[in-house]
């Protein structure tokens, strides 16, 4: 098993994650306007509460280039 810092991975992908979260909310709740930055910050907080600092993942999901 590999170990990853999931919060830091999500923060590293901040631009992409903000867009993805915003798109998901828009498709799910089309009449709701969402501040993508605020949504992302709350998402990071929720991940921090629900996940361990170091999460175990199968090595098949990790590639080193």
N, C-alpha and C. Protein backbone atom coordinates (compact mmCIF):
# COMPACT_ATOMS: atom_id res chain seq x y z
N UNK A 1 0.84 -1.19 0.00
CA UNK A 1 0.00 0.00 0.00
C UNK A 1 0.88 1.24 0.00
N UNK A 2 0.40 2.24 -0.69
CA UNK A 2 1.06 3.55 -0.71
C UNK A 2 0.31 4.47 0.25
N UNK A 3 0.98 5.51 0.70
CA UNK A 3 0.36 6.50 1.57
C UNK A 3 0.42 7.85 0.87
N UNK A 4 -0.69 8.60 0.90
CA UNK A 4 -0.74 9.92 0.29
C UNK A 4 -1.35 10.91 1.28
N UNK A 5 -0.94 12.15 1.16
CA UNK A 5 -1.56 13.24 1.92
C UNK A 5 -2.69 13.78 1.04
N UNK A 6 -3.88 13.28 1.28
CA UNK A 6 -5.01 13.56 0.41
C UNK A 6 -5.35 15.04 0.34
N UNK A 7 -5.33 15.76 1.45
CA UNK A 7 -5.63 17.19 1.43
C UNK A 7 -4.64 17.94 0.55
N UNK A 8 -3.38 17.60 0.66
CA UNK A 8 -2.36 18.29 -0.13
C UNK A 8 -2.50 17.97 -1.61
N UNK A 9 -2.91 16.76 -1.93
CA UNK A 9 -3.14 16.41 -3.33
C UNK A 9 -4.29 17.24 -3.88
N UNK A 10 -5.37 17.34 -3.13
CA UNK A 10 -6.52 18.13 -3.58
C UNK A 10 -6.14 19.60 -3.71
N UNK A 11 -5.39 20.13 -2.75
CA UNK A 11 -4.94 21.52 -2.83
C UNK A 11 -4.02 21.74 -4.03
N UNK A 12 -3.19 20.77 -4.34
CA UNK A 12 -2.31 20.86 -5.50
C UNK A 12 -3.13 20.98 -6.79
N UNK A 13 -4.29 20.33 -6.81
CA UNK A 13 -5.18 20.35 -7.98
C UNK A 13 -6.30 21.40 -7.82
N UNK A 14 -6.01 22.45 -7.07
CA UNK A 14 -7.02 23.45 -6.72
C UNK A 14 -7.81 23.97 -7.93
N UNK A 15 -7.13 24.40 -8.97
CA UNK A 15 -7.82 24.97 -10.14
C UNK A 15 -8.80 23.97 -10.74
N UNK A 16 -8.32 22.75 -10.96
CA UNK A 16 -9.16 21.72 -11.56
C UNK A 16 -10.31 21.32 -10.63
N UNK A 17 -10.01 21.21 -9.34
CA UNK A 17 -11.03 20.81 -8.37
C UNK A 17 -12.13 21.86 -8.25
N UNK A 18 -11.75 23.14 -8.23
CA UNK A 18 -12.76 24.20 -8.16
C UNK A 18 -13.71 24.12 -9.34
N UNK A 19 -13.17 23.93 -10.52
CA UNK A 19 -13.99 23.84 -11.72
C UNK A 19 -14.89 22.61 -11.67
N UNK A 20 -14.33 21.47 -11.25
CA UNK A 20 -15.11 20.24 -11.19
C UNK A 20 -16.23 20.33 -10.16
N UNK A 21 -15.93 20.86 -9.00
CA UNK A 21 -16.96 21.01 -7.97
C UNK A 21 -18.05 21.97 -8.44
N UNK A 22 -17.65 23.08 -9.02
CA UNK A 22 -18.62 24.05 -9.53
C UNK A 22 -19.51 23.45 -10.61
N UNK A 23 -18.90 22.71 -11.52
CA UNK A 23 -19.67 22.05 -12.58
C UNK A 23 -20.66 21.02 -12.01
N UNK A 24 -20.20 20.26 -11.03
CA UNK A 24 -21.06 19.24 -10.41
C UNK A 24 -22.26 19.89 -9.72
N UNK A 25 -22.03 20.98 -9.01
CA UNK A 25 -23.13 21.68 -8.34
C UNK A 25 -24.08 22.26 -9.38
N UNK A 26 -23.55 22.86 -10.43
CA UNK A 26 -24.39 23.44 -11.48
C UNK A 26 -25.28 22.40 -12.15
N UNK A 27 -24.75 21.22 -12.37
CA UNK A 27 -25.55 20.15 -13.00
C UNK A 27 -26.57 19.56 -12.03
N UNK A 28 -26.20 19.50 -10.76
CA UNK A 28 -27.09 18.91 -9.76
C UNK A 28 -28.17 19.90 -9.32
N UNK A 29 -27.76 21.15 -9.15
CA UNK A 29 -28.67 22.21 -8.68
C UNK A 29 -28.57 23.40 -9.65
N UNK A 30 -29.17 23.30 -10.83
CA UNK A 30 -28.98 24.32 -11.86
C UNK A 30 -29.44 25.73 -11.48
N UNK A 31 -30.34 25.86 -10.52
CA UNK A 31 -30.85 27.18 -10.14
C UNK A 31 -30.09 27.81 -8.97
N UNK A 32 -28.99 27.18 -8.56
CA UNK A 32 -28.23 27.66 -7.41
C UNK A 32 -26.90 28.25 -7.88
N UNK A 33 -26.60 29.44 -7.40
CA UNK A 33 -25.32 30.08 -7.71
C UNK A 33 -24.34 29.75 -6.58
N UNK A 34 -23.13 29.34 -6.95
CA UNK A 34 -22.15 28.91 -5.96
C UNK A 34 -20.83 29.64 -6.16
N UNK A 35 -20.25 30.07 -5.07
CA UNK A 35 -18.90 30.66 -5.08
C UNK A 35 -17.92 29.49 -5.07
N UNK A 36 -17.26 29.26 -6.20
CA UNK A 36 -16.37 28.10 -6.32
C UNK A 36 -15.24 28.12 -5.30
N UNK A 37 -14.70 29.29 -5.00
CA UNK A 37 -13.61 29.37 -4.03
C UNK A 37 -14.08 28.98 -2.64
N UNK A 38 -15.25 29.47 -2.26
CA UNK A 38 -15.79 29.13 -0.93
C UNK A 38 -16.15 27.65 -0.86
N UNK A 39 -16.75 27.14 -1.93
CA UNK A 39 -17.08 25.71 -1.99
C UNK A 39 -15.83 24.86 -1.84
N UNK A 40 -14.76 25.24 -2.53
CA UNK A 40 -13.51 24.50 -2.45
C UNK A 40 -12.94 24.52 -1.03
N UNK A 41 -12.95 25.69 -0.40
CA UNK A 41 -12.43 25.79 0.97
C UNK A 41 -13.22 24.90 1.92
N UNK A 42 -14.54 24.88 1.78
CA UNK A 42 -15.37 24.04 2.63
C UNK A 42 -15.14 22.56 2.33
N UNK A 43 -14.93 22.24 1.06
CA UNK A 43 -14.63 20.87 0.67
C UNK A 43 -13.32 20.40 1.32
N UNK A 44 -12.28 21.23 1.28
CA UNK A 44 -10.99 20.89 1.90
C UNK A 44 -11.18 20.66 3.40
N UNK A 45 -11.97 21.52 4.06
CA UNK A 45 -12.23 21.34 5.48
C UNK A 45 -12.92 20.00 5.75
N UNK A 46 -13.90 19.67 4.92
CA UNK A 46 -14.63 18.41 5.09
C UNK A 46 -13.71 17.21 4.88
N UNK A 47 -12.84 17.29 3.89
CA UNK A 47 -11.88 16.21 3.66
C UNK A 47 -10.99 16.06 4.88
N UNK A 48 -10.54 17.17 5.43
CA UNK A 48 -9.69 17.13 6.62
C UNK A 48 -10.37 16.48 7.81
N UNK A 49 -11.68 16.68 7.93
CA UNK A 49 -12.44 16.08 9.05
C UNK A 49 -12.71 14.60 8.82
N UNK A 50 -12.88 14.21 7.58
CA UNK A 50 -13.29 12.83 7.27
C UNK A 50 -12.14 11.88 6.95
N UNK A 51 -11.02 12.42 6.53
CA UNK A 51 -9.90 11.57 6.11
C UNK A 51 -8.74 11.69 7.10
N UNK A 52 -7.90 10.68 7.09
CA UNK A 52 -6.67 10.74 7.86
C UNK A 52 -5.68 11.64 7.14
N UNK A 53 -4.69 12.16 7.87
CA UNK A 53 -3.66 12.97 7.24
C UNK A 53 -2.99 12.17 6.13
N UNK A 54 -2.63 10.95 6.43
CA UNK A 54 -2.06 10.04 5.44
C UNK A 54 -3.08 8.95 5.16
N UNK A 55 -3.57 8.89 3.93
CA UNK A 55 -4.52 7.86 3.53
C UNK A 55 -3.78 6.76 2.79
N UNK A 56 -4.17 5.52 3.06
CA UNK A 56 -3.59 4.39 2.34
C UNK A 56 -4.36 4.17 1.05
N UNK A 57 -3.62 3.98 -0.03
CA UNK A 57 -4.23 3.65 -1.31
C UNK A 57 -3.44 2.52 -1.95
N UNK A 58 -4.10 1.70 -2.75
CA UNK A 58 -3.38 0.62 -3.42
C UNK A 58 -2.31 1.19 -4.35
N UNK A 59 -1.18 0.53 -4.40
CA UNK A 59 -0.07 0.99 -5.22
C UNK A 59 -0.41 1.07 -6.70
N UNK A 60 -1.42 0.33 -7.14
CA UNK A 60 -1.79 0.37 -8.55
C UNK A 60 -2.33 1.74 -8.97
N UNK A 61 -2.65 2.60 -7.99
CA UNK A 61 -3.13 3.94 -8.28
C UNK A 61 -2.04 5.00 -8.22
N UNK A 62 -0.80 4.57 -8.06
CA UNK A 62 0.34 5.48 -7.97
C UNK A 62 1.33 5.17 -9.07
N UNK A 63 1.75 6.19 -9.78
CA UNK A 63 2.76 6.01 -10.83
C UNK A 63 3.81 7.10 -10.64
N UNK A 64 5.05 6.73 -10.72
CA UNK A 64 6.15 7.68 -10.62
C UNK A 64 6.76 7.87 -12.00
N UNK A 65 6.76 9.09 -12.49
CA UNK A 65 7.34 9.37 -13.81
C UNK A 65 8.71 10.00 -13.67
